[in-house]
Amino acid sequence: MSACSAPASAPSTSTPRGLRSLADSLASLERSQRDAFIRGLSANAQAALPYLFEVWAHPDHQLAPEGEWTTWVAMGGRGAGKTRAGAEWLRAQMEGATPTAPGRAKRAALVAETWAQARDVMVFGDSGIMTCTPPDRRPDYVATRRRLVWANGAEAQLFSAADPESLRGPQFDCAWSDELAKWRRGQQAWDMLQFGLRLGTRPRQVVTTTPRDSALLRRILEDPSTVATTAPTAANRAYLARDFLEKITSRYRGTAQGRQELDGELLTERPGAMFTRAGIERHRVARAPAMDRVVIGVDPPVTSHAGSDACGIVVAGRAGDACYVLADRSAQGLAPAAWAALVAEAARSYCASRIVAEVNQGGDLVAEMIRRIDPVAPVSTVRATTGKAARAEPVSLLYEQGRVRHVGCHPALEDELCAFGGPGPSPDRVDALVWAVVALMHEPEGAPRVRRL
């Protein structure tokens, strides 16, 4: 592909920085001005422009970060442009200034969950290497050898992560691993790949993946030589069907699956956790039935400065033999009067029959603060006599039985539930939830009783 011959007034495209300047300039123009600029280019420049990825890429998540990293993990939601980022990065390593000039790398590994996925997605996919490469630089695909061969002699070999032993022996100076988080034999394949990255002065690799929780992905991200970028599906909306984005977002917004598959969040879960995302998701409901009874659970903070623990405020109700988590009104860094006002407001909004507040830290002051806001608030206090895990255990059993159901999505509460028991901040939301559920499911209803004479 020849160099793009832009008008003299256009930014230089001889370097990635120049291409980004061109991209910024184009983005700042009105559509009519942009179209006029492109029409003013030579035919050769117009043909080249679609292949100048630095012009069209999302700089925050599709262009390789600067710095001395070894592994770049590009995480994102479905359709966020991860595969294109991987394909373009691989091209940049293998290609030189001209089709026959040497590039930065000579031997690359392309690793997917299966060999067929490496071929169909990484090589021939809509965002794969062949699609992204201009015709005069496109490598030859040698099916019998499972390789791409460039005119400058560089080669990329395709591998299946399901066959880690196939990575034993070959050596590389760069690699691209796709959808690593779902590799069934991920650790073995990754280990074999690392042993093979031994050519050149600084072998590098890119990992493109939807951020499903896996021990391997967590270890890679924790490595000090790793850099990571993330992007939601919506970041690439210009290249996605409008109906798809609207429907998929309205259905999955806020759910664990939506946060992972659309927002590109890595949702971790403590091994052996009492509460699991799968369990929460399985019994999630869009709306609650009529409640027999509603309770507000409160776990007040010890202090009230900006860095203090949150005040856990969770609203739950009971209908039949099931408990429904209705709202998480927890807040951090509030003075006692402020969080007490939140509790009282939640009780009024949900017509709560009871506010259950832990008093281990604040004693009588907790109930007093709430009653200053609402003198008739139905506050009762509880004092923890066992550890947090022991208190949460009967509630976790109710979750397992499907008798605790989340109404809508409560991301902060659910993150805290799934991390419960491990290191990290105080589980204030979990404590508030536990007090509310126990009051609803394990204590007498408090309904009027008829005295028989």
Protein backbone atom coordinates (compact mmCIF):
# COMPACT_ATOMS: atom_id res chain seq x y z
CA MET A 1 0.00 0.00 0.00
CA SER A 2 1.40 3.36 -0.96
CA ALA A 3 1.57 6.23 1.49
CA CYS A 4 -1.52 8.38 1.82
CA SER A 5 -1.01 11.60 -0.16
CA ALA A 6 -3.13 14.11 1.72
CA PRO A 7 -3.40 17.82 0.92
CA ALA A 8 -0.67 20.06 2.28
CA SER A 9 -3.00 21.46 4.93
CA ALA A 10 -3.69 18.01 6.37
CA PRO A 11 -1.68 16.72 9.34
CA SER A 12 1.29 14.50 8.58
CA THR A 13 0.50 10.77 8.54
CA SER A 14 4.11 9.57 8.62
CA THR A 15 3.90 8.58 12.28
CA PRO A 16 1.17 7.22 14.58
CA ARG A 17 1.14 10.62 16.30
CA GLY A 18 0.50 12.25 12.91
CA LEU A 19 -2.29 9.77 12.23
CA ARG A 20 -3.88 10.56 15.57
CA SER A 21 -3.68 14.25 14.73
CA LEU A 22 -5.45 13.48 11.46
CA ALA A 23 -8.09 11.49 13.35
CA ASP A 24 -8.64 14.33 15.82
CA SER A 25 -8.88 16.82 12.98
CA LEU A 26 -11.43 14.71 11.10
CA ALA A 27 -13.48 14.17 14.26
CA SER A 28 -13.65 17.92 14.87
CA LEU A 29 -15.13 18.64 11.43
CA GLU A 30 -18.78 18.75 10.47
CA ARG A 31 -19.83 15.81 8.36
CA SER A 32 -20.03 17.91 5.20
CA GLN A 33 -16.52 19.28 5.84
CA ARG A 34 -15.18 15.80 6.54
CA ASP A 35 -16.72 14.43 3.34
CA ALA A 36 -15.26 17.35 1.39
CA PHE A 37 -11.80 16.70 2.87
CA ILE A 38 -11.93 13.02 1.89
CA ARG A 39 -13.13 13.87 -1.64
CA GLY A 40 -10.12 16.18 -1.94
CA LEU A 41 -7.69 13.33 -1.40
CA SER A 42 -6.14 11.50 -4.32
CA ALA A 43 -7.68 8.20 -5.39
CA ASN A 44 -4.68 6.44 -3.87
CA ALA A 45 -5.12 8.24 -0.55
CA GLN A 46 -8.85 7.47 -0.47
CA ALA A 47 -8.07 3.79 -1.01
CA ALA A 48 -5.45 3.85 1.78
CA LEU A 49 -7.49 5.73 4.37
CA PRO A 50 -9.74 2.83 5.54
CA TYR A 51 -6.62 0.81 6.39
CA LEU A 52 -4.99 3.50 8.55
CA PHE A 53 -6.23 2.08 11.83
CA GLU A 54 -4.73 4.85 13.95
CA VAL A 55 -7.17 7.23 12.26
CA TRP A 56 -10.30 5.26 13.10
CA ALA A 57 -9.34 3.41 16.29
CA HIS A 58 -10.63 4.22 19.77
CA PRO A 59 -7.35 5.45 21.29
CA ASP A 60 -8.25 4.46 24.86
CA HIS A 61 -8.76 0.76 24.21
CA GLN A 62 -7.83 -0.20 20.64
CA LEU A 63 -4.32 1.24 20.42
CA ALA A 64 -1.50 -0.35 22.38
CA PRO A 65 -0.61 1.57 25.57
CA GLU A 66 2.74 3.27 25.79
CA GLY A 67 5.43 2.03 28.17
CA GLU A 68 7.64 -1.00 28.72
CA TRP A 69 4.95 -3.62 29.16
CA THR A 70 5.22 -7.29 28.21
CA THR A 71 1.52 -8.21 28.10
CA TRP A 72 -1.36 -6.01 27.03
CA VAL A 73 -4.78 -7.32 28.11
CA ALA A 74 -7.52 -5.68 26.04
CA MET A 75 -10.80 -6.46 27.79
CA GLY A 76 -14.19 -5.32 26.60
CA GLY A 77 -17.84 -6.08 26.14
CA ARG A 78 -19.24 -7.92 23.14
CA GLY A 79 -18.62 -5.96 19.98
CA ALA A 80 -16.35 -3.41 21.69
CA GLY A 81 -13.63 -3.88 19.07
CA LYS A 82 -11.25 -6.25 20.88
CA THR A 83 -10.62 -8.54 17.92
CA ARG A 84 -9.87 -5.61 15.63
CA ALA A 85 -7.41 -4.26 18.21
CA GLY A 86 -5.63 -7.62 18.35
CA ALA A 87 -5.51 -8.02 14.58
CA GLU A 88 -4.17 -4.51 14.01
CA TRP A 89 -1.55 -4.89 16.75
CA LEU A 90 -0.37 -8.16 15.19
CA ARG A 91 -0.18 -6.48 11.77
CA ALA A 92 1.90 -3.67 13.22
CA GLN A 93 4.41 -6.21 14.55
CA MET A 94 4.73 -8.24 11.34
CA GLU A 95 4.63 -5.56 8.62
CA GLY A 96 7.40 -3.18 7.62
CA ALA A 97 7.33 0.19 5.88
CA THR A 98 6.84 -1.56 2.54
CA PRO A 99 5.41 -5.02 1.80
CA THR A 100 8.87 -6.61 1.64
CA ALA A 101 10.55 -4.59 4.42
CA PRO A 102 11.11 -6.35 7.76
CA GLY A 103 8.78 -5.60 10.65
CA ARG A 104 9.37 -5.58 14.39
CA ALA A 105 8.68 -9.32 14.67
CA LYS A 106 9.29 -12.38 12.50
CA ARG A 107 7.50 -15.21 14.30
CA ALA A 108 4.09 -14.90 15.92
CA ALA A 109 1.69 -17.25 17.70
CA LEU A 110 -2.09 -16.90 17.26
CA VAL A 111 -3.84 -18.80 20.04
CA ALA A 112 -7.60 -19.32 20.40
CA GLU A 113 -9.69 -21.81 22.35
CA THR A 114 -9.74 -24.09 19.29
CA TRP A 115 -7.80 -24.15 16.05
CA ALA A 116 -11.02 -23.49 14.09
CA GLN A 117 -11.70 -20.35 16.13
CA ALA A 118 -8.18 -19.11 15.48
CA ARG A 119 -8.78 -19.51 11.76
CA ASP A 120 -12.38 -18.27 11.59
CA VAL A 121 -12.08 -15.33 14.02
CA MET A 122 -8.47 -14.22 14.24
CA VAL A 123 -7.55 -14.75 10.58
CA PHE A 124 -10.71 -14.66 8.43
CA GLY A 125 -13.24 -13.04 10.77
CA ASP A 126 -14.97 -9.74 10.10
CA SER A 127 -12.31 -8.05 12.24
CA GLY A 128 -9.56 -10.59 11.55
CA ILE A 129 -6.12 -10.11 10.05
CA MET A 130 -7.12 -10.75 6.43
CA THR A 131 -10.03 -8.31 6.57
CA CYS A 132 -7.96 -5.56 8.18
CA THR A 133 -4.99 -5.84 5.80
CA PRO A 134 -4.87 -3.95 2.50
CA PRO A 135 -4.65 -6.21 -0.58
CA ASP A 136 -1.00 -5.50 -1.40
CA ARG A 137 0.13 -6.46 2.11
CA ARG A 138 -2.20 -9.39 2.77
CA PRO A 139 -0.29 -12.51 3.88
CA ASP A 140 -0.74 -15.91 2.28
CA TYR A 141 -2.68 -18.46 4.27
CA VAL A 142 -1.06 -21.89 4.11
CA ALA A 143 -3.81 -24.20 5.35
CA THR A 144 -1.68 -27.36 5.46
CA ARG A 145 0.80 -25.65 7.80
CA ARG A 146 -1.77 -23.53 9.67
CA ARG A 147 0.29 -20.43 9.04
CA LEU A 148 0.14 -16.93 7.66
CA VAL A 149 3.19 -15.96 5.59
CA TRP A 150 3.94 -12.32 4.75
CA ALA A 151 5.91 -11.12 1.72
CA ASN A 152 8.74 -10.02 4.05
CA GLY A 153 9.15 -13.57 5.34
CA ALA A 154 7.35 -13.09 8.69
CA GLU A 155 5.10 -15.95 9.78
CA ALA A 156 2.24 -16.40 12.23
CA GLN A 157 1.30 -19.90 13.34
CA LEU A 158 -2.20 -20.86 14.56
CA PHE A 159 -2.66 -22.85 17.78
CA SER A 160 -5.47 -24.31 19.85
CA ALA A 161 -5.38 -23.71 23.61
CA ALA A 162 -7.10 -27.10 23.93
CA ASP A 163 -3.80 -28.66 22.79
CA PRO A 164 -1.12 -27.04 24.97
CA GLU A 165 1.53 -29.53 23.84
CA SER A 166 1.38 -28.13 20.31
CA LEU A 167 3.00 -24.97 21.74
CA ARG A 168 5.97 -26.98 22.96
CA GLY A 169 8.91 -26.46 20.62
CA PRO A 170 8.05 -23.44 18.43
CA GLN A 171 9.48 -20.07 19.41
CA PHE A 172 8.14 -16.56 18.87
CA ASP A 173 8.85 -12.88 19.34
CA CYS A 174 5.18 -11.89 19.67
CA ALA A 175 1.80 -13.51 20.30
CA TRP A 176 -1.92 -12.79 20.19
CA SER A 177 -4.25 -14.78 22.45
CA ASP A 178 -8.00 -14.44 21.89
CA GLU A 179 -10.82 -15.03 24.43
CA LEU A 180 -8.34 -16.39 26.96
CA ALA A 181 -10.87 -16.25 29.81
CA LYS A 182 -12.80 -19.19 28.35
CA TRP A 183 -9.89 -21.48 27.51
CA ARG A 184 -10.64 -24.85 29.13
CA ARG A 185 -6.96 -25.72 29.51
CA GLY A 186 -5.92 -22.13 29.94
CA GLN A 187 -3.11 -22.41 32.45
CA GLN A 188 -1.30 -25.18 30.58
CA ALA A 189 -1.62 -23.40 27.23
CA TRP A 190 -0.51 -20.07 28.69
CA ASP A 191 2.53 -21.65 30.35
CA MET A 192 3.62 -23.31 27.11
CA LEU A 193 3.18 -20.05 25.22
CA GLN A 194 5.36 -18.16 27.71
CA PHE A 195 8.17 -20.68 27.27
CA GLY A 196 8.00 -20.07 23.52
CA LEU A 197 8.18 -16.26 23.71
CA ARG A 198 11.97 -16.17 23.57
CA LEU A 199 12.95 -14.46 20.31
CA GLY A 200 14.04 -10.85 19.84
CA THR A 201 15.08 -8.31 22.43
CA ARG A 202 11.64 -7.84 24.04
CA PRO A 203 8.94 -10.36 23.15
CA ARG A 204 5.45 -8.95 23.63
CA GLN A 205 1.93 -10.30 23.54
CA VAL A 206 -1.65 -9.08 23.47
CA VAL A 207 -4.64 -10.81 25.04
CA THR A 208 -8.11 -9.90 23.78
CA THR A 209 -10.93 -11.23 25.90
CA THR A 210 -14.31 -10.70 27.42
CA PRO A 211 -13.45 -10.40 31.14
CA ARG A 212 -14.89 -13.63 32.52
CA ASP A 213 -13.52 -14.40 35.97
CA SER A 214 -10.75 -16.97 35.87
CA ALA A 215 -7.73 -17.65 38.04
CA LEU A 216 -5.47 -17.41 34.99
CA LEU A 217 -6.79 -14.00 33.91
CA ARG A 218 -6.47 -12.67 37.46
CA ARG A 219 -2.85 -13.83 37.66
CA ILE A 220 -1.99 -12.21 34.34
CA LEU A 221 -3.57 -8.92 35.41
CA GLU A 222 -1.68 -9.00 38.72
CA ASP A 223 1.67 -9.35 36.93
CA PRO A 224 3.56 -6.00 37.14
CA SER A 225 4.59 -6.31 33.48
CA THR A 226 0.93 -6.37 32.36
CA VAL A 227 -1.10 -3.35 31.25
CA ALA A 228 -4.85 -3.54 30.76
CA THR A 229 -7.49 -1.56 28.93
CA THR A 230 -11.26 -1.98 29.12
CA ALA A 231 -14.20 -0.81 27.04
CA PRO A 232 -17.97 -1.28 27.06
CA THR A 233 -19.91 -2.49 24.05
CA ALA A 234 -21.41 1.00 23.70
CA ALA A 235 -17.97 2.47 22.95
CA ASN A 236 -18.21 0.88 19.50
CA ARG A 237 -21.86 1.77 18.89
CA ALA A 238 -21.11 3.37 15.52
CA TYR A 239 -20.29 -0.09 14.12
CA LEU A 240 -23.13 -2.03 15.77
CA ALA A 241 -26.76 -2.50 14.81
CA ARG A 242 -28.84 0.07 16.66
CA ASP A 243 -31.60 -2.42 17.51
CA PHE A 244 -29.04 -4.86 18.93
CA LEU A 245 -27.59 -2.29 21.31
CA GLU A 246 -31.00 -1.07 22.50
CA LYS A 247 -32.48 -4.54 23.05
CA ILE A 248 -29.45 -6.14 24.62
CA THR A 249 -28.85 -3.17 26.92
CA SER A 250 -32.45 -2.95 28.10
CA ARG A 251 -32.49 -6.66 28.87
CA TYR A 252 -29.14 -7.09 30.60
CA ARG A 253 -28.29 -3.63 32.01
CA GLY A 254 -26.97 -3.94 35.58
CA THR A 255 -27.04 -7.74 35.74
CA ALA A 256 -23.84 -9.67 36.33
CA GLN A 257 -24.01 -10.95 32.76
CA GLY A 258 -24.58 -7.44 31.42
CA ARG A 259 -21.75 -5.94 33.43
CA GLN A 260 -19.42 -8.63 32.09
CA GLU A 261 -20.61 -9.01 28.50
CA LEU A 262 -21.64 -5.39 27.82
CA ASP A 263 -19.68 -3.19 30.24
CA GLY A 264 -16.49 -5.24 30.04
CA GLU A 265 -16.13 -5.49 33.82
CA LEU A 266 -14.11 -8.27 35.40
CA LEU A 267 -16.45 -9.56 38.09
CA THR A 268 -14.40 -11.59 40.52
CA GLU A 269 -15.76 -14.12 42.95
CA ARG A 270 -13.97 -15.45 45.99
CA PRO A 271 -13.28 -19.19 45.70
CA GLY A 272 -15.73 -21.07 47.93
CA ALA A 273 -17.80 -17.92 48.46
CA MET A 274 -21.04 -18.21 50.42
CA PHE A 275 -22.80 -16.18 47.74
CA THR A 276 -22.28 -16.69 44.01
CA ARG A 277 -23.19 -14.58 41.02
CA ALA A 278 -24.73 -17.59 39.30
CA GLY A 279 -26.99 -18.17 42.29
CA ILE A 280 -28.06 -14.54 42.46
CA GLU A 281 -28.67 -14.42 38.71
CA ARG A 282 -30.66 -17.64 38.69
CA HIS A 283 -33.30 -16.23 41.02
CA ARG A 284 -33.29 -12.57 39.99
CA VAL A 285 -36.73 -11.12 39.21
CA ALA A 286 -37.78 -7.99 37.36
CA ARG A 287 -40.47 -7.01 39.85
CA ALA A 288 -41.63 -8.13 43.27
CA PRO A 289 -45.04 -9.46 44.25
CA ALA A 290 -47.11 -7.74 46.93
CA MET A 291 -45.12 -7.85 50.14
CA ASP A 292 -46.46 -9.34 53.37
CA ARG A 293 -43.86 -7.40 55.31
CA VAL A 294 -40.90 -5.06 54.63
CA VAL A 295 -37.82 -4.56 56.80
CA ILE A 296 -34.90 -2.13 56.56
CA GLY A 297 -31.54 -3.57 57.66
CA VAL A 298 -29.00 -1.03 58.92
CA ASP A 299 -25.30 -1.47 59.66
CA PRO A 300 -24.12 2.00 60.83
CA PRO A 301 -20.50 3.14 60.47
CA VAL A 302 -18.25 3.76 63.45
CA THR A 303 -17.03 7.11 62.10
CA SER A 304 -18.42 9.70 59.70
CA HIS A 305 -15.45 11.06 57.73
CA ALA A 306 -14.96 10.62 53.97
CA GLY A 307 -12.86 7.47 54.34
CA SER A 308 -15.09 5.73 56.86
CA ASP A 309 -17.03 2.54 56.22
CA ALA A 310 -20.34 2.81 54.42
CA CYS A 311 -23.61 2.85 56.30
CA GLY A 312 -25.28 -0.33 55.08
CA ILE A 313 -28.97 0.28 54.34
CA VAL A 314 -30.79 -2.59 52.62
CA VAL A 315 -34.53 -2.89 52.01
CA ALA A 316 -36.01 -6.40 51.89
CA GLY A 317 -39.52 -7.78 51.95
CA ARG A 318 -41.23 -11.11 52.41
CA ALA A 319 -43.92 -12.68 50.26
CA GLY A 320 -44.95 -16.20 51.19
CA ASP A 321 -41.85 -18.24 51.96
CA ALA A 322 -39.48 -16.08 49.88
CA CYS A 323 -37.54 -12.92 50.67
CA TYR A 324 -37.04 -10.18 48.08
CA VAL A 325 -34.14 -7.70 48.12
CA LEU A 326 -35.86 -4.49 47.05
CA ALA A 327 -33.21 -1.78 47.32
CA ASP A 328 -29.69 -0.93 48.44
CA ARG A 329 -29.67 2.59 49.89
CA SER A 330 -26.20 2.31 51.44
CA ALA A 331 -24.00 5.41 51.49
CA GLN A 332 -20.47 6.29 52.55
CA GLY A 333 -18.91 9.23 54.33
CA LEU A 334 -22.13 10.62 55.79
CA ALA A 335 -22.64 12.23 59.19
CA PRO A 336 -25.03 10.35 61.52
CA ALA A 337 -27.90 12.73 60.85
CA ALA A 338 -27.50 12.22 57.08
CA TRP A 339 -27.51 8.43 57.08
CA ALA A 340 -30.34 8.43 59.65
CA ALA A 341 -32.37 10.54 57.21
CA LEU A 342 -31.70 7.98 54.45
CA VAL A 343 -32.93 5.19 56.71
CA ALA A 344 -36.09 7.05 57.66
CA GLU A 345 -36.80 7.95 54.03
CA ALA A 346 -36.38 4.31 52.94
CA ALA A 347 -38.75 3.17 55.69
CA ARG A 348 -41.41 5.66 54.53
CA SER A 349 -40.95 4.87 50.83
CA TYR A 350 -41.34 1.13 51.30
CA CYS A 351 -43.88 1.26 54.18
CA ALA A 352 -41.48 -0.77 56.30
CA SER A 353 -42.92 -2.44 59.36
CA ARG A 354 -39.53 -2.52 61.03
CA ILE A 355 -36.04 -0.99 60.96
CA VAL A 356 -33.43 -3.41 62.29
CA ALA A 357 -30.26 -1.56 63.28
CA GLU A 358 -27.05 -3.05 64.64
CA VAL A 359 -25.86 -1.24 67.76
CA ASN A 360 -22.50 -2.83 68.47
CA GLN A 361 -20.70 0.41 67.66
CA GLY A 362 -23.17 3.20 68.29
CA GLY A 363 -25.29 1.78 71.10
CA ASP A 364 -28.50 3.67 71.85
CA LEU A 365 -27.32 6.55 69.65
CA VAL A 366 -28.24 4.60 66.51
CA ALA A 367 -31.95 4.36 67.29
CA GLU A 368 -31.92 7.86 68.74
CA MET A 369 -30.52 9.35 65.52
CA ILE A 370 -33.24 7.70 63.41
CA ARG A 371 -36.01 8.81 65.81
CA ARG A 372 -34.76 12.39 65.69
CA ILE A 373 -35.64 12.31 61.99
CA ASP A 374 -38.84 10.29 62.42
CA PRO A 375 -40.14 10.08 66.02
CA VAL A 376 -42.47 7.19 65.17
CA ALA A 377 -39.99 5.15 63.17
CA PRO A 378 -40.38 1.44 64.04
CA VAL A 379 -36.77 0.93 65.12
CA SER A 380 -35.53 -2.17 66.88
CA THR A 381 -31.91 -2.82 67.67
CA VAL A 382 -29.77 -5.93 67.48
CA ARG A 383 -26.34 -6.68 68.86
CA ALA A 384 -23.96 -9.03 67.07
CA THR A 385 -22.75 -11.82 69.32
CA THR A 386 -21.18 -13.99 66.62
CA GLY A 387 -18.83 -13.34 63.73
CA LYS A 388 -20.02 -12.00 60.39
CA ALA A 389 -19.57 -15.35 58.63
CA ALA A 390 -21.59 -17.21 61.26
CA ARG A 391 -24.40 -14.66 60.98
CA ALA A 392 -24.38 -14.84 57.19
CA GLU A 393 -24.38 -18.63 56.92
CA PRO A 394 -28.15 -19.21 57.37
CA VAL A 395 -28.81 -16.43 54.86
CA SER A 396 -26.47 -18.05 52.33
CA LEU A 397 -28.46 -21.28 52.71
CA LEU A 398 -31.64 -19.38 51.85
CA TYR A 399 -29.89 -18.07 48.72
CA GLU A 400 -28.95 -21.64 47.77
CA GLN A 401 -32.57 -22.69 48.18
CA GLY A 402 -33.71 -19.85 45.93
CA ARG A 403 -35.68 -18.25 48.75
CA VAL A 404 -33.85 -14.90 48.53
CA ARG A 405 -34.45 -13.12 45.23
CA HIS A 406 -33.01 -9.83 44.03
CA VAL A 407 -35.54 -7.49 42.48
CA GLY A 408 -33.67 -5.76 39.68
CA CYS A 409 -29.93 -5.21 39.99
CA HIS A 410 -27.88 -4.06 42.97
CA PRO A 411 -24.27 -4.10 41.66
CA ALA A 412 -22.44 -2.79 44.74
CA LEU A 413 -24.30 -5.14 47.08
CA GLU A 414 -23.77 -8.11 44.77
CA ASP A 415 -20.04 -7.39 44.43
CA GLU A 416 -19.78 -7.31 48.20
CA LEU A 417 -21.74 -10.55 48.60
CA CYS A 418 -19.52 -12.42 46.15
CA ALA A 419 -16.32 -11.10 47.78
CA PHE A 420 -17.60 -11.78 51.32
CA GLY A 421 -15.13 -13.58 53.54
CA GLY A 422 -12.01 -12.40 51.74
CA PRO A 423 -9.74 -9.38 52.20
CA GLY A 424 -11.17 -5.97 51.45
CA PRO A 425 -13.40 -3.27 52.89
CA SER A 426 -15.92 -3.97 55.65
CA PRO A 427 -18.99 -5.78 54.23
CA ASP A 428 -21.47 -3.17 55.43
CA ARG A 429 -24.07 -3.90 52.78
CA VAL A 430 -23.87 -7.62 53.51
CA ASP A 431 -24.35 -7.00 57.24
CA ALA A 432 -27.41 -4.85 56.59
CA LEU A 433 -28.81 -7.48 54.24
CA VAL A 434 -28.26 -10.24 56.78
CA TRP A 435 -30.08 -8.33 59.53
CA ALA A 436 -33.03 -7.68 57.22
CA VAL A 437 -33.32 -11.24 55.92
CA VAL A 438 -32.96 -12.79 59.37
CA ALA A 439 -35.68 -10.51 60.68
CA LEU A 440 -37.96 -11.54 57.84
CA MET A 441 -37.23 -15.26 57.64
CA HIS A 442 -35.96 -16.46 60.99
CA GLU A 443 -37.81 -14.39 63.58
CA PRO A 444 -41.49 -14.38 64.64
CA GLU A 445 -43.68 -12.30 62.38
CA GLY A 446 -44.84 -10.04 65.18
CA ALA A 447 -48.42 -10.24 63.95
CA PRO A 448 -51.23 -9.70 66.45
CA ARG A 449 -52.25 -12.79 68.37
CA VAL A 450 -55.74 -13.51 69.72
CA ARG A 451 -55.80 -14.24 73.40
CA ARG A 452 -58.25 -17.05 74.14
CA LEU A 453 -60.18 -16.71 77.39
